[in-house]
């Protein structure tokens, strides 16, 4: 969260003091609205959605505590700083017991007192939002550059070229090739101050994706009991990563096109526009040009997203680098689960080199992890790689029409993954959303 995105509303019936507070807070870089009438301030809350309200404790029509209780009853998470001319412990404690975060006294002897109080609340909210994003990403650090980009030196150069710019990046590559990791690397070396926020367009139901992306106001739809910021807004001046962007509906594509063109958006249920400076990185494992021709993806959005395309090769095209990647994964995974690092014997390495890796690096990591878990001596024992081969799920062995083969393949993949749809989709080489659609179509 940047300071200019931190909205403050100030209420005080003494206009001169109100203007003084506004100047102190505004000069610190925050966005400010002021009111002399608490009833007018209350009406503005639903549209302005302040992060912090600074209000006088004693005012005609409505006192500060009443105003705070009224706003908190709407289930907002707004913070409050109370202003009081009665600098007693009792009035301050009473207000803070009812929900105020801090208080200041007037006349204000030192402007720094207000700046510090506001800064504490701003930092608390910024860290809270950042922690939510980091937890959702489950980010565990990045492997060494020579491992990530083994056999992909060209891509490393492209990343270094584009990262410092504001250009929109499109990552093309099969499932499991590391598109999300590369997006994080672009963000990390870009020097952007905001957060890296990702959203998987295939993993979120179509009717919820828009609210996840743009956020919503209280009452925007059934169940919207309070205002929620979307991931685009949480990214601030950072990066929004749209994984599997091909699964975005045509209607939502039109709305996101506006974001790329005008750098503005609205939360669901609001007419107020919000500016965004977030850098957009998108990724797909599908042929977007074909989807454009089939009228399943907007051509104008395709060109807006594909400003700087990066094509990530599959693992089968980097086979000579598999030993280095595998040995690195053995060390990392062994340390993570508390085992001694294993040696990969020649015959087991031969299995890795001869396999087609439809799930790419992600599948290799899963295979190595299973091997580390089951190995009991100094040498890595790999489990059978067959479950990920297309012929095992029956595609080459079945007779019948295409729909019958497809249905049986899906059933087999779901059986082998104990019903885990995400893993089944990876085995089948399709998106999670496509798999969910097929499951519904075939009544599985």
Foldseek 3Di string as FASTA:
>chain_A
DDQQLQEEEEEALPVVQQVVLCCLSVVVPHHYDYDPDLVVVLVCCQFRVHQEYEYEQDDPPDGPLRSVVVVVVLVRNHEYEYEYQPPDPVVQVVSVVSGHPYYDYPPHPDSVVVVVSVVVSVVVVLVVLQVVQCVVVVDDDDDDPCLLCQVNVVLVVLLVVPLLDLAFEEEEAFAQLCPVVSVVVSQVVNPFPFDEHEDELQVDPQVCVQCQAAWAADPLDPPSSHTDGHRQVRRALTAYEYEQVLNHFPVVLVQVLCCLVPQWHHHRPHPDIDGGNHRYYYYHHDDVVVCCVVVSHPPSSVCRNHVDYDYRYFVLVNLVSVVVNLQVLQCVLCVVVVHDRAAEDPVNSVVVSPDNPLNGPVVSSVQSNVQRVPDDDRHTDTDDPPLLDQVVLPLVPDDDDPLVSVVSSLVSLCVVVVNPLCSSCSSVRHGSNVSVVSCVVVVD
